[in-house]
Each structure stands twice: as structure tokens, then as C-alpha cells.
PDB file of N, CA and C in Angstrom:
ATOM      1  N   MET A   1     -53.561 207.683  -9.507  1.00  0.00           N
ATOM      2  CA  MET A   1     -54.389 206.687 -10.050  1.00  0.00           C
ATOM      3  C   MET A   1     -54.236 206.746 -11.398  1.00  0.00           C
ATOM      4  N   GLU A   2     -53.355 208.051 -12.028  1.00  0.00           N
ATOM      5  CA  GLU A   2     -53.488 208.229 -13.531  1.00  0.00           C
ATOM      6  C   GLU A   2     -52.482 207.623 -13.672  1.00  0.00           C
ATOM      7  N   LEU A   3     -51.409 207.851 -13.263  1.00  0.00           N
ATOM      8  CA  LEU A   3     -49.889 207.046 -13.400  1.00  0.00           C
ATOM      9  C   LEU A   3     -50.104 205.790 -13.319  1.00  0.00           C
ATOM     10  N   LEU A   4     -51.188 204.654 -12.766  1.00  0.00           N
ATOM     11  CA  LEU A   4     -51.110 203.911 -13.013  1.00  0.00           C
ATOM     12  C   LEU A   4     -51.628 203.484 -14.174  1.00  0.00           C
ATOM     13  N   TRP A   5     -52.981 203.973 -14.705  1.00  0.00           N
ATOM     14  CA  TRP A   5     -53.838 203.844 -16.473  1.00  0.00           C
ATOM     15  C   TRP A   5     -52.481 204.349 -17.624  1.00  0.00           C
ATOM     16  N   GLU A   6     -51.871 205.001 -17.148  1.00  0.00           N
ATOM     17  CA  GLU A   6     -50.921 205.134 -18.253  1.00  0.00           C
ATOM     18  C   GLU A   6     -49.423 204.673 -18.261  1.00  0.00           C
ATOM     19  N   MET A   7     -49.169 203.698 -16.972  1.00  0.00           N
ATOM     20  CA  MET A   7     -48.923 202.211 -16.611  1.00  0.00           C
ATOM     21  C   MET A   7     -49.021 201.060 -17.710  1.00  0.00           C
ATOM     22  N   THR A   8     -50.448 200.863 -16.856  1.00  0.00           N
ATOM     23  CA  THR A   8     -51.193 200.025 -18.159  1.00  0.00           C
ATOM     24  C   THR A   8     -51.262 200.344 -19.671  1.00  0.00           C
ATOM     25  N   GLY A   9     -51.467 201.078 -20.243  1.00  0.00           N
ATOM     26  CA  GLY A   9     -50.840 202.021 -21.421  1.00  0.00           C
ATOM     27  C   GLY A   9     -49.541 201.677 -22.215  1.00  0.00           C
ATOM     28  N   TRP A  10     -48.710 201.546 -21.305  1.00  0.00           N
ATOM     29  CA  TRP A  10     -47.388 201.469 -21.613  1.00  0.00           C
ATOM     30  C   TRP A  10     -47.641 199.910 -21.807  1.00  0.00           C
ATOM     31  N   ALA A  11     -47.561 198.916 -20.511  1.00  0.00           N
ATOM     32  CA  ALA A  11     -48.091 197.826 -20.613  1.00  0.00           C
ATOM     33  C   ALA A  11     -48.090 197.102 -21.741  1.00  0.00           C
ATOM     34  N   GLY A  12     -49.799 196.965 -22.151  1.00  0.00           N
ATOM     35  CA  GLY A  12     -50.094 197.272 -23.294  1.00  0.00           C
ATOM     36  C   GLY A  12     -49.169 197.667 -24.447  1.00  0.00           C
ATOM     37  N   ALA A  13     -48.736 197.796 -24.840  1.00  0.00           N
ATOM     38  CA  ALA A  13     -47.969 198.546 -26.114  1.00  0.00           C
ATOM     39  C   ALA A  13     -46.653 197.938 -25.777  1.00  0.00           C
ATOM     40  N   ALA A  14     -46.348 197.226 -24.459  1.00  0.00           N
ATOM     41  CA  ALA A  14     -45.101 196.645 -24.703  1.00  0.00           C
ATOM     42  C   ALA A  14     -45.511 195.014 -24.711  1.00  0.00           C
ATOM     43  N   ALA A  15     -46.509 194.656 -25.050  1.00  0.00           N
ATOM     44  CA  ALA A  15     -46.924 193.174 -25.187  1.00  0.00           C
ATOM     45  C   ALA A  15     -47.030 193.062 -26.257  1.00  0.00           C
ATOM     46  N   MET A  16     -48.671 193.962 -27.045  1.00  0.00           N
ATOM     47  CA  MET A  16     -48.480 193.939 -28.594  1.00  0.00           C
ATOM     48  C   MET A  16     -46.929 194.210 -29.292  1.00  0.00           C
ATOM     49  N   LEU A  17     -46.710 194.790 -29.311  1.00  0.00           N
ATOM     50  CA  LEU A  17     -45.250 194.882 -29.516  1.00  0.00           C
ATOM     51  C   LEU A  17     -44.371 194.261 -29.749  1.00  0.00           C
ATOM     52  N   GLY A  18     -44.116 193.920 -28.868  1.00  0.00           N
ATOM     53  CA  GLY A  18     -43.359 192.629 -28.212  1.00  0.00           C
ATOM     54  C   GLY A  18     -43.239 191.111 -29.076  1.00  0.00           C
ATOM     55  N   SER A  19     -44.562 191.135 -29.111  1.00  0.00           N
ATOM     56  CA  SER A  19     -45.008 189.978 -29.121  1.00  0.00           C
ATOM     57  C   SER A  19     -45.302 189.710 -31.532  1.00  0.00           C
ATOM     58  N   TYR A  20     -45.228 191.079 -31.680  1.00  0.00           N
ATOM     59  CA  TYR A  20     -45.317 191.243 -33.369  1.00  0.00           C
ATOM     60  C   TYR A  20     -43.847 190.935 -33.435  1.00  0.00           C
ATOM     61  N   LEU A  21     -43.082 191.496 -32.094  1.00  0.00           N
ATOM     62  CA  LEU A  21     -41.668 191.776 -33.064  1.00  0.00           C
ATOM     63  C   LEU A  21     -41.420 189.950 -33.066  1.00  0.00           C
ATOM     64  N   SER A  22     -41.970 189.550 -32.190  1.00  0.00           N
ATOM     65  CA  SER A  22     -41.054 188.007 -31.607  1.00  0.00           C
ATOM     66  C   SER A  22     -41.867 186.733 -32.934  1.00  0.00           C
ATOM     67  N   VAL A  23     -42.853 187.118 -33.076  1.00  0.00           N
ATOM     68  CA  VAL A  23     -43.735 186.258 -33.962  1.00  0.00           C
ATOM     69  C   VAL A  23     -42.784 186.927 -36.416  1.00  0.00           C
ATOM     70  N   SER A  24     -42.487 188.277 -35.880  1.00  0.00           N
ATOM     71  CA  SER A  24     -42.542 188.887 -37.326  1.00  0.00           C
ATOM     72  C   SER A  24     -40.542 188.176 -37.756  1.00  0.00           C
ATOM     73  N   MET A  25     -39.704 188.365 -36.250  1.00  0.00           N
ATOM     74  CA  MET A  25     -38.094 187.952 -36.351  1.00  0.00           C
ATOM     75  C   MET A  25     -38.093 186.450 -36.102  1.00  0.00           C
ATOM     76  N   GLY A  26     -39.010 185.244 -36.547  1.00  0.00           N
ATOM     77  CA  GLY A  26     -38.932 184.206 -36.048  1.00  0.00           C
ATOM     78  C   GLY A  26     -38.906 183.605 -34.749  1.00  0.00           C
ATOM     79  N   TRP A  27     -38.788 184.094 -33.006  1.00  0.00           N
ATOM     80  CA  TRP A  27     -38.540 183.854 -32.344  1.00  0.00           C
ATOM     81  C   TRP A  27     -39.271 183.003 -31.752  1.00  0.00           C
ATOM     82  N   LEU A  28     -40.642 183.307 -31.982  1.00  0.00           N
ATOM     83  CA  LEU A  28     -42.005 182.639 -31.950  1.00  0.00           C
ATOM     84  C   LEU A  28     -42.963 182.398 -32.191  1.00  0.00           C
ATOM     85  N   LYS A  29     -43.381 181.280 -32.157  1.00  0.00           N
ATOM     86  CA  LYS A  29     -44.443 180.771 -33.310  1.00  0.00           C
ATOM     87  C   LYS A  29     -46.030 181.519 -33.033  1.00  0.00           C
ATOM     88  N   PRO A  30     -47.048 182.173 -33.538  1.00  0.00           N
ATOM     89  CA  PRO A  30     -48.194 182.393 -33.370  1.00  0.00           C
ATOM     90  C   PRO A  30     -49.244 181.646 -33.043  1.00  0.00           C
ATOM     91  N   GLY A  31     -48.895 181.445 -31.948  1.00  0.00           N
ATOM     92  CA  GLY A  31     -49.489 180.323 -31.129  1.00  0.00           C
ATOM     93  C   GLY A  31     -50.279 181.286 -30.291  1.00  0.00           C
ATOM     94  N   ILE A  32     -50.468 180.024 -28.755  1.00  0.00           N
ATOM     95  CA  ILE A  32     -51.050 180.652 -27.393  1.00  0.00           C
ATOM     96  C   ILE A  32     -50.425 181.991 -27.380  1.00  0.00           C
ATOM     97  N   SER A  33     -49.067 181.756 -26.578  1.00  0.00           N
ATOM     98  CA  SER A  33     -48.275 182.868 -26.001  1.00  0.00           C
ATOM     99  C   SER A  33     -48.338 183.893 -27.074  1.00  0.00           C
ATOM    100  N   PHE A  34     -48.163 184.032 -28.459  1.00  0.00           N
ATOM    101  CA  PHE A  34     -48.202 185.502 -29.169  1.00  0.00           C
ATOM    102  C   PHE A  34     -50.009 186.163 -28.995  1.00  0.00           C
ATOM    103  N   GLN A  35     -51.093 185.064 -28.903  1.00  0.00           N
ATOM    104  CA  GLN A  35     -52.242 185.838 -28.495  1.00  0.00           C
ATOM    105  C   GLN A  35     -52.630 185.750 -27.678  1.00  0.00           C
ATOM    106  N   THR A  36     -52.528 185.453 -26.016  1.00  0.00           N
ATOM    107  CA  THR A  36     -52.276 186.124 -24.570  1.00  0.00           C
ATOM    108  C   THR A  36     -52.192 187.773 -24.478  1.00  0.00           C
ATOM    109  N   ALA A  37     -50.403 187.267 -25.102  1.00  0.00           N
ATOM    110  CA  ALA A  37     -49.557 188.573 -25.429  1.00  0.00           C
ATOM    111  C   ALA A  37     -51.169 189.742 -25.919  1.00  0.00           C
ATOM    112  N   ASN A  38     -51.091 189.246 -27.494  1.00  0.00           N
ATOM    113  CA  ASN A  38     -52.319 190.481 -28.078  1.00  0.00           C
ATOM    114  C   ASN A  38     -53.482 190.663 -26.941  1.00  0.00           C
ATOM    115  N   LEU A  39     -54.135 189.741 -26.083  1.00  0.00           N
ATOM    116  CA  LEU A  39     -54.793 189.678 -25.345  1.00  0.00           C
ATOM    117  C   LEU A  39     -54.922 190.525 -24.196  1.00  0.00           C
ATOM    118  N   PHE A  40     -54.079 190.096 -23.930  1.00  0.00           N
ATOM    119  CA  PHE A  40     -53.302 191.279 -22.438  1.00  0.00           C
ATOM    120  C   PHE A  40     -53.567 192.693 -22.726  1.00  0.00           C
ATOM    121  N   GLY A  41     -52.455 192.973 -24.401  1.00  0.00           N
ATOM    122  CA  GLY A  41     -52.186 194.280 -24.893  1.00  0.00           C
ATOM    123  C   GLY A  41     -53.934 195.004 -25.312  1.00  0.00           C
ATOM    124  N   SER A  42     -54.169 193.994 -25.837  1.00  0.00           N
ATOM    125  CA  SER A  42     -55.568 194.588 -25.705  1.00  0.00           C
ATOM    126  C   SER A  42     -56.831 195.482 -25.346  1.00  0.00           C
ATOM    127  N   CYS A  43     -56.731 194.881 -24.344  1.00  0.00           N
ATOM    128  CA  CYS A  43     -57.459 195.240 -22.866  1.00  0.00           C
ATOM    129  C   CYS A  43     -56.872 196.524 -22.588  1.00  0.00           C
ATOM    130  N   ALA A  44     -55.579 196.524 -22.073  1.00  0.00           N
ATOM    131  CA  ALA A  44     -54.836 197.723 -21.414  1.00  0.00           C
ATOM    132  C   ALA A  44     -54.810 198.467 -22.764  1.00  0.00           C
ATOM    133  N   PHE A  45     -54.921 198.390 -23.322  1.00  0.00           N
ATOM    134  CA  PHE A  45     -55.399 200.208 -23.969  1.00  0.00           C
ATOM    135  C   PHE A  45     -56.680 200.420 -24.166  1.00  0.00           C
ATOM    136  N   ILE A  46     -57.725 198.994 -24.602  1.00  0.00           N
ATOM    137  CA  ILE A  46     -59.306 199.082 -23.587  1.00  0.00           C
ATOM    138  C   ILE A  46     -59.556 199.938 -22.953  1.00  0.00           C
ATOM    139  N   ILE A  47     -58.349 199.896 -21.071  1.00  0.00           N
ATOM    140  CA  ILE A  47     -58.696 200.761 -20.062  1.00  0.00           C
ATOM    141  C   ILE A  47     -57.889 201.832 -20.858  1.00  0.00           C
ATOM    142  N   ASN A  48     -56.864 202.110 -21.253  1.00  0.00           N
ATOM    143  CA  ASN A  48     -56.419 203.501 -21.149  1.00  0.00           C
ATOM    144  C   ASN A  48     -56.838 204.900 -22.165  1.00  0.00           C
ATOM    145  N   GLY A  49     -57.409 203.823 -23.332  1.00  0.00           N
ATOM    146  CA  GLY A  49     -57.860 204.826 -24.496  1.00  0.00           C
ATOM    147  C   GLY A  49     -59.215 204.973 -23.759  1.00  0.00           C
ATOM    148  N   THR A  50     -60.426 204.162 -23.174  1.00  0.00           N
ATOM    149  CA  THR A  50     -61.034 204.403 -22.075  1.00  0.00           C
ATOM    150  C   THR A  50     -61.136 205.669 -21.147  1.00  0.00           C
ATOM    151  N   LEU A  51     -59.703 206.069 -19.954  1.00  0.00           N
ATOM    152  CA  LEU A  51     -59.972 207.106 -19.561  1.00  0.00           C
ATOM    153  C   LEU A  51     -59.538 208.168 -20.107  1.00  0.00           C
ATOM    154  N   HIS A  52     -58.748 207.647 -21.922  1.00  0.00           N
ATOM    155  CA  HIS A  52     -57.789 209.505 -22.551  1.00  0.00           C
ATOM    156  C   HIS A  52     -58.992 209.551 -23.306  1.00  0.00           C
ATOM    157  N   GLY A  53     -60.356 208.925 -23.391  1.00  0.00           N
ATOM    158  CA  GLY A  53     -61.626 209.891 -24.197  1.00  0.00           C
ATOM    159  C   GLY A  53     -60.830 209.503 -25.588  1.00  0.00           C
ATOM    160  N   ALA A  54     -59.869 208.197 -26.355  1.00  0.00           N
ATOM    161  CA  ALA A  54     -59.632 207.618 -27.257  1.00  0.00           C
ATOM    162  C   ALA A  54     -60.389 206.352 -28.153  1.00  0.00           C
ATOM    163  N   TRP A  55     -61.555 207.531 -28.539  1.00  0.00           N
ATOM    164  CA  TRP A  55     -63.235 206.905 -28.648  1.00  0.00           C
ATOM    165  C   TRP A  55     -62.336 205.536 -30.018  1.00  0.00           C
ATOM    166  N   PRO A  56     -61.604 205.556 -30.796  1.00  0.00           N
ATOM    167  CA  PRO A  56     -60.766 205.154 -32.096  1.00  0.00           C
ATOM    168  C   PRO A  56     -60.376 204.146 -31.661  1.00  0.00           C
ATOM    169  N   SER A  57     -59.493 204.244 -30.689  1.00  0.00           N
ATOM    170  CA  SER A  57     -58.444 203.194 -29.982  1.00  0.00           C
ATOM    171  C   SER A  57     -58.924 202.452 -29.634  1.00  0.00           C
ATOM    172  N   VAL A  58     -60.230 202.746 -28.911  1.00  0.00           N
ATOM    173  CA  VAL A  58     -60.663 202.055 -27.797  1.00  0.00           C
ATOM    174  C   VAL A  58     -61.645 200.734 -28.586  1.00  0.00           C
ATOM    175  N   ALA A  59     -62.165 201.381 -29.365  1.00  0.00           N
ATOM    176  CA  ALA A  59     -62.860 200.379 -30.385  1.00  0.00           C
ATOM    177  C   ALA A  59     -62.235 199.420 -31.587  1.00  0.00           C
ATOM    178  N   THR A  60     -60.738 199.887 -31.616  1.00  0.00           N
ATOM    179  CA  THR A  60     -59.795 199.281 -32.878  1.00  0.00           C
ATOM    180  C   THR A  60     -59.600 198.503 -31.695  1.00  0.00           C
ATOM    181  N   ASN A  61     -59.472 198.158 -30.270  1.00  0.00           N
ATOM    182  CA  ASN A  61     -58.502 197.307 -29.893  1.00  0.00           C
ATOM    183  C   ASN A  61     -60.025 196.067 -28.863  1.00  0.00           C
ATOM    184  N   VAL A  62     -61.117 196.509 -28.816  1.00  0.00           N
ATOM    185  CA  VAL A  62     -61.890 195.853 -28.868  1.00  0.00           C
ATOM    186  C   VAL A  62     -62.084 194.736 -30.095  1.00  0.00           C
ATOM    187  N   ALA A  63     -61.998 195.221 -30.451  1.00  0.00           N
ATOM    188  CA  ALA A  63     -62.127 194.502 -31.832  1.00  0.00           C
ATOM    189  C   ALA A  63     -60.910 193.184 -31.865  1.00  0.00           C
ATOM    190  N   TRP A  64     -59.630 193.720 -31.160  1.00  0.00           N
ATOM    191  CA  TRP A  64     -58.681 193.568 -31.473  1.00  0.00           C
ATOM    192  C   TRP A  64     -58.225 191.836 -30.496  1.00  0.00           C
ATOM    193  N   PHE A  65     -59.049 192.203 -29.492  1.00  0.00           N
ATOM    194  CA  PHE A  65     -59.637 191.770 -28.184  1.00  0.00           C
ATOM    195  C   PHE A  65     -60.746 190.619 -28.749  1.00  0.00           C
ATOM    196  N   LEU A  66     -61.713 191.301 -29.513  1.00  0.00           N
ATOM    197  CA  LEU A  66     -62.109 189.724 -29.592  1.00  0.00           C
ATOM    198  C   LEU A  66     -61.487 188.835 -30.833  1.00  0.00           C
ATOM    199  N   ILE A  67     -60.495 189.099 -31.334  1.00  0.00           N
ATOM    200  CA  ILE A  67     -59.877 188.539 -32.573  1.00  0.00           C
ATOM    201  C   ILE A  67     -58.724 187.863 -31.716  1.00  0.00           C
ATOM    202  N   SER A  68     -58.405 187.887 -30.473  1.00  0.00           N
ATOM    203  CA  SER A  68     -57.181 187.649 -29.987  1.00  0.00           C
ATOM    204  C   SER A  68     -58.328 186.552 -29.311  1.00  0.00           C
ATOM    205  N   ALA A  69     -59.204 187.224 -28.721  1.00  0.00           N
ATOM    206  CA  ALA A  69     -60.381 185.655 -28.136  1.00  0.00           C
ATOM    207  C   ALA A  69     -60.355 184.281 -29.102  1.00  0.00           C
ATOM    208  N   VAL A  70     -60.863 185.116 -29.664  1.00  0.00           N
ATOM    209  CA  VAL A  70     -62.000 183.823 -30.556  1.00  0.00           C
ATOM    210  C   VAL A  70     -59.687 182.418 -30.188  1.00  0.00           C
ATOM    211  N   ALA A  71     -59.804 183.518 -31.406  1.00  0.00           N
ATOM    212  CA  ALA A  71     -57.891 182.398 -32.363  1.00  0.00           C
ATOM    213  C   ALA A  71     -57.670 181.593 -30.606  1.00  0.00           C
ATOM    214  N   LEU A  72     -57.841 182.221 -29.425  1.00  0.00           N
ATOM    215  CA  LEU A  72     -57.535 181.418 -28.229  1.00  0.00           C
ATOM    216  C   LEU A  72     -57.744 180.048 -28.072  1.00  0.00           C
ATOM    217  N   HIS A  73     -59.224 180.524 -28.325  1.00  0.00           N
ATOM    218  CA  HIS A  73     -60.016 179.745 -28.048  1.00  0.00           C
ATOM    219  C   HIS A  73     -60.185 177.855 -28.427  1.00  0.00           C
ATOM    220  N   ARG A  74     -59.773 178.684 -30.109  1.00  0.00           N
ATOM    221  CA  ARG A  74     -60.074 177.904 -30.841  1.00  0.00           C
ATOM    222  C   ARG A  74     -58.289 177.212 -30.456  1.00  0.00           C
ATOM    223  N   LEU A  75     -57.273 177.483 -30.412  1.00  0.00           N
ATOM    224  CA  LEU A  75     -56.404 176.835 -30.395  1.00  0.00           C
ATOM    225  C   LEU A  75     -56.264 175.852 -28.900  1.00  0.00           C
ATOM    226  N   ARG A  76     -57.088 176.147 -27.936  1.00  0.00           N
ATOM    227  CA  ARG A  76     -57.088 175.378 -26.812  1.00  0.00           C
ATOM    228  C   ARG A  76     -57.988 174.626 -27.083  1.00  0.00           C
ATOM    229  N   ALA A  77     -59.099 174.370 -28.196  1.00  0.00           N
ATOM    230  CA  ALA A  77     -60.197 172.755 -28.921  1.00  0.00           C
ATOM    231  C   ALA A  77     -58.890 172.373 -29.143  1.00  0.00           C
ATOM    232  N   ALA A  78     -58.107 173.495 -30.679  1.00  0.00           N
ATOM    233  CA  ALA A  78     -57.298 171.569 -31.557  1.00  0.00           C
ATOM    234  C   ALA A  78     -56.708 171.461 -30.274  1.00  0.00           C
ATOM    235  N   GLN A  79     -56.028 171.381 -29.259  1.00  0.00           N
ATOM    236  CA  GLN A  79     -55.533 170.842 -28.425  1.00  0.00           C
ATOM    237  C   GLN A  79     -55.448 169.470 -27.812  1.00  0.00           C
ATOM    238  N   GLN A  80     -57.144 170.054 -27.262  1.00  0.00           N
ATOM    239  CA  GLN A  80     -57.787 168.945 -26.435  1.00  0.00           C
ATOM    240  C   GLN A  80     -57.869 167.516 -26.951  1.00  0.00           C
ATOM    241  N   PRO A  81     -57.722 166.822 -27.012  1.00  0.00           N
ATOM    242  CA  PRO A  81     -57.377 165.401 -27.227  1.00  0.00           C
ATOM    243  C   PRO A  81     -58.817 165.090 -28.266  1.00  0.00           C
ATOM    244  N   ALA A  82     -58.654 164.413 -29.015  1.00  0.00           N
ATOM    245  CA  ALA A  82     -59.590 163.438 -29.633  1.00  0.00           C
ATOM    246  C   ALA A  82     -60.344 162.639 -29.105  1.00  0.00           C
ATOM    247  N   ARG A  83     -61.952 162.906 -29.133  1.00  0.00           N
ATOM    248  CA  ARG A  83     -62.371 161.491 -28.152  1.00  0.00           C
ATOM    249  C   ARG A  83     -63.087 160.583 -29.516  1.00  0.00           C
ATOM    250  N   ILE A  84     -62.806 159.243 -29.155  1.00  0.00           N
ATOM    251  CA  ILE A  84     -62.767 157.875 -29.585  1.00  0.00           C
ATOM    252  C   ILE A  84     -63.654 157.896 -29.223  1.00  0.00           C
ATOM    253  N   GLU A  85     -65.261 157.345 -29.747  1.00  0.00           N
ATOM    254  CA  GLU A  85     -66.215 156.432 -29.503  1.00  0.00           C
ATOM    255  C   GLU A  85     -65.943 155.030 -29.209  1.00  0.00           C
ATOM    256  N   VAL A  86     -65.319 154.309 -28.866  1.00  0.00           N
ATOM    257  CA  VAL A  86     -65.086 152.308 -29.357  1.00  0.00           C
ATOM    258  C   VAL A  86     -66.800 152.007 -28.496  1.00  0.00           C
ATOM    259  N   PRO A  87     -66.971 151.217 -29.727  1.00  0.00           N
ATOM    260  CA  PRO A  87     -68.212 150.373 -29.559  1.00  0.00           C
ATOM    261  C   PRO A  87     -68.328 149.661 -28.471  1.00  0.00           C
ATOM    262  N   GLU A  88     -69.553 149.035 -27.702  1.00  0.00           N
ATOM    263  CA  GLU A  88     -69.265 147.969 -26.868  1.00  0.00           C
ATOM    264  C   GLU A  88     -69.326 146.594 -27.327  1.00  0.00           C
ATOM    265  N   GLN A  89     -68.493 145.724 -26.892  1.00  0.00           N
ATOM    266  CA  GLN A  89     -67.594 145.013 -27.466  1.00  0.00           C
ATOM    267  C   GLN A  89     -68.516 143.352 -26.359  1.00  0.00           C
ATOM    268  N   ARG A  90     -69.055 142.729 -27.169  1.00  0.00           N
ATOM    269  CA  ARG A  90     -70.049 141.731 -26.271  1.00  0.00           C
ATOM    270  C   ARG A  90     -69.155 140.611 -26.109  1.00  0.00           C
ATOM    271  N   SER A  91     -69.265 139.966 -24.798  1.00  0.00           N
ATOM    272  CA  SER A  91     -68.451 138.275 -24.839  1.00  0.00           C
ATOM    273  C   SER A  91     -69.889 136.965 -25.857  1.00  0.00           C
ATOM    274  N   PRO A  92     -68.842 136.343 -26.632  1.00  0.00           N
ATOM    275  CA  PRO A  92     -70.073 135.062 -27.118  1.00  0.00           C
ATOM    276  C   PRO A  92     -70.923 134.761 -26.448  1.00  0.00           C
ATOM    277  N   LEU A  93     -70.248 134.703 -25.538  1.00  0.00           N
ATOM    278  CA  LEU A  93     -71.610 134.200 -24.437  1.00  0.00           C
ATOM    279  C   LEU A  93     -71.863 134.885 -23.425  1.00  0.00           C
ATOM    280  N   THR A  94     -72.190 136.334 -23.687  1.00  0.00           N
ATOM    281  CA  THR A  94     -72.955 136.361 -23.148  1.00  0.00           C
ATOM    282  C   THR A  94     -74.113 136.929 -24.395  1.00  0.00           C
ATOM    283  N   SER A  95     -75.247 136.856 -23.312  1.00  0.00           N
ATOM    284  CA  SER A  95     -76.870 136.911 -24.463  1.00  0.00           C
ATOM    285  C   SER A  95     -77.289 138.302 -24.455  1.00  0.00           C
ATOM    286  N   ASP A  96     -77.972 139.079 -24.920  1.00  0.00           N
ATOM    287  CA  ASP A  96     -78.696 140.089 -24.835  1.00  0.00           C
ATOM    288  C   ASP A  96     -79.581 140.534 -23.700  1.00  0.00           C
ATOM    289  N   THR A  97     -79.511 139.862 -23.240  1.00  0.00           N
ATOM    290  CA  THR A  97     -79.811 140.467 -21.555  1.00  0.00           C
ATOM    291  C   THR A  97     -79.133 140.527 -20.542  1.00  0.00           C
ATOM    292  N   GLY A  98     -78.050 140.175 -20.845  1.00  0.00           N
ATOM    293  CA  GLY A  98     -76.459 141.184 -20.150  1.00  0.00           C
ATOM    294  C   GLY A  98     -76.329 139.634 -19.317  1.00  0.00           C
ATOM    295  N   THR A  99     -76.827 137.731 -19.303  1.00  0.00           N
ATOM    296  CA  THR A  99     -77.107 136.737 -18.685  1.00  0.00           C
ATOM    297  C   THR A  99     -75.755 135.881 -18.901  1.00  0.00           C
ATOM    298  N   HIS A 100     -75.467 135.011 -19.128  1.00  0.00           N
ATOM    299  CA  HIS A 100     -74.699 134.325 -18.707  1.00  0.00           C
ATOM    300  C   HIS A 100     -74.669 132.880 -19.876  1.00  0.00           C
ATOM    301  N   LEU A 101     -75.439 132.356 -20.702  1.00  0.00           N
ATOM    302  CA  LEU A 101     -75.366 131.595 -21.328  1.00  0.00           C
ATOM    303  C   LEU A 101     -75.034 130.225 -20.422  1.00  0.00           C
ATOM    304  N   VAL A 102     -75.315 129.441 -20.509  1.00  0.00           N
ATOM    305  CA  VAL A 102     -75.536 127.901 -20.045  1.00  0.00           C
ATOM    306  C   VAL A 102     -75.696 127.099 -21.559  1.00  0.00           C
ATOM    307  N   ILE A 103     -73.606 126.699 -21.856  1.00  0.00           N
ATOM    308  CA  ILE A 103     -73.283 125.838 -22.484  1.00  0.00           C
ATOM    309  C   ILE A 103     -73.484 124.731 -22.354  1.00  0.00           C
ATOM    310  N   PRO A 104     -74.392 123.126 -22.356  1.00  0.00           N
ATOM    311  CA  PRO A 104     -74.343 122.107 -21.619  1.00  0.00           C
ATOM    312  C   PRO A 104     -72.820 121.449 -22.586  1.00  0.00           C
ATOM    313  N   VAL A 105     -71.999 120.666 -22.028  1.00  0.00           N
ATOM    314  CA  VAL A 105     -71.567 120.113 -22.778  1.00  0.00           C
ATOM    315  C   VAL A 105     -71.178 118.186 -22.174  1.00  0.00           C
ATOM    316  N   PRO A 106     -71.200 117.674 -22.943  1.00  0.00           N
ATOM    317  CA  PRO A 106     -71.340 116.139 -22.783  1.00  0.00           C
ATOM    318  C   PRO A 106     -71.006 115.996 -21.188  1.00  0.00           C
ATOM    319  N   GLN A 107     -72.202 115.001 -21.477  1.00  0.00           N
ATOM    320  CA  GLN A 107     -70.995 114.119 -20.091  1.00  0.00           C
ATOM    321  C   GLN A 107     -70.108 113.088 -20.207  1.00  0.00           C
ATOM    322  N   ALA A 108     -69.630 112.419 -21.428  1.00  0.00           N
ATOM    323  CA  ALA A 108     -68.809 111.806 -21.955  1.00  0.00           C
ATOM    324  C   ALA A 108     -67.262 112.451 -21.733  1.00  0.00           C
ATOM    325  N   ALA A 109     -67.097 114.246 -22.125  1.00  0.00           N
ATOM    326  CA  ALA A 109     -66.156 115.087 -22.340  1.00  0.00           C
ATOM    327  C   ALA A 109     -65.594 115.607 -20.879  1.00  0.00           C
ATOM    328  N   VAL A 110     -66.487 115.453 -19.949  1.00  0.00           N
ATOM    329  CA  VAL A 110     -65.982 115.728 -18.106  1.00  0.00           C
ATOM    330  C   VAL A 110     -65.531 114.141 -17.986  1.00  0.00           C
ATOM    331  N   ASN A 111     -65.864 112.472 -18.265  1.00  0.00           N
ATOM    332  CA  ASN A 111     -65.526 112.020 -17.864  1.00  0.00           C
ATOM    333  C   ASN A 111     -64.207 111.155 -18.479  1.00  0.00           C
ATOM    334  N   CYS A 112     -63.617 112.377 -19.342  1.00  0.00           N
ATOM    335  CA  CYS A 112     -62.321 112.094 -20.105  1.00  0.00           C
ATOM    336  C   CYS A 112     -60.996 111.423 -19.441  1.00  0.00           C
ATOM    337  N   PRO A 113     -60.789 110.558 -19.712  1.00  0.00           N
ATOM    338  CA  PRO A 113     -59.236 110.031 -18.695  1.00  0.00           C
ATOM    339  C   PRO A 113     -57.668 110.890 -18.976  1.00  0.00           C
TER     340      PRO A 113
END
């Protein structure tokens, strides 16, 4: 089980360093992929640090996790299409009660040749 937790820590380090390198070199934009890698990496470091009793590392990575989680939430919210309220358009042939208006037609207009 110890090996699993060590591998978790190394995977977290690779995720965080890889995403930081990718953004710094311009290979990746700081968006959802970057924040997801940071979220995963901080979780892995939290687990590894807790098992090793490295409390300053755990505290730092809890903050890192929260920053990444908030950033992801904001990025996802910004991607959702904006809802536009369109006012209901009423037909001129409809009254306020929703019934149709009856418009009388003169008899002379009905009998036109």
C-alpha cells in the first residue's frame, strides 16, 4: 500500500509540473486542462503529505486545491451560453384574456366580385 501512496505523490508532482511547464512554454493555455491537472496534482499531494505527516505541504495543497476548484467552476460557468429573456409577443388579434378578437367584416366586402 505504501507504494501506491508514493506513486500517487509522484503522479501529482508530474501533473502539476507538466501543466506548469506547458503553460509557461506556451504549449497550453491556462484554462480547464491546466486547472484540472492542478486539481488532480493537489489531491495527490494532499494524500501523500497526509500519510507522511508533512502538514505544511498538506496545507499548501489544500489551498492549491481550493484555488483550482474555484477557477474550474468559474471557467465552466463562463462557457455556458447566456440565457436571453425574450418578451412574449402578442398577436394584435388576441385580447388580454387570450381569446381571439372578432372583427366584423362589412357585408359589402364579402360580396365583392
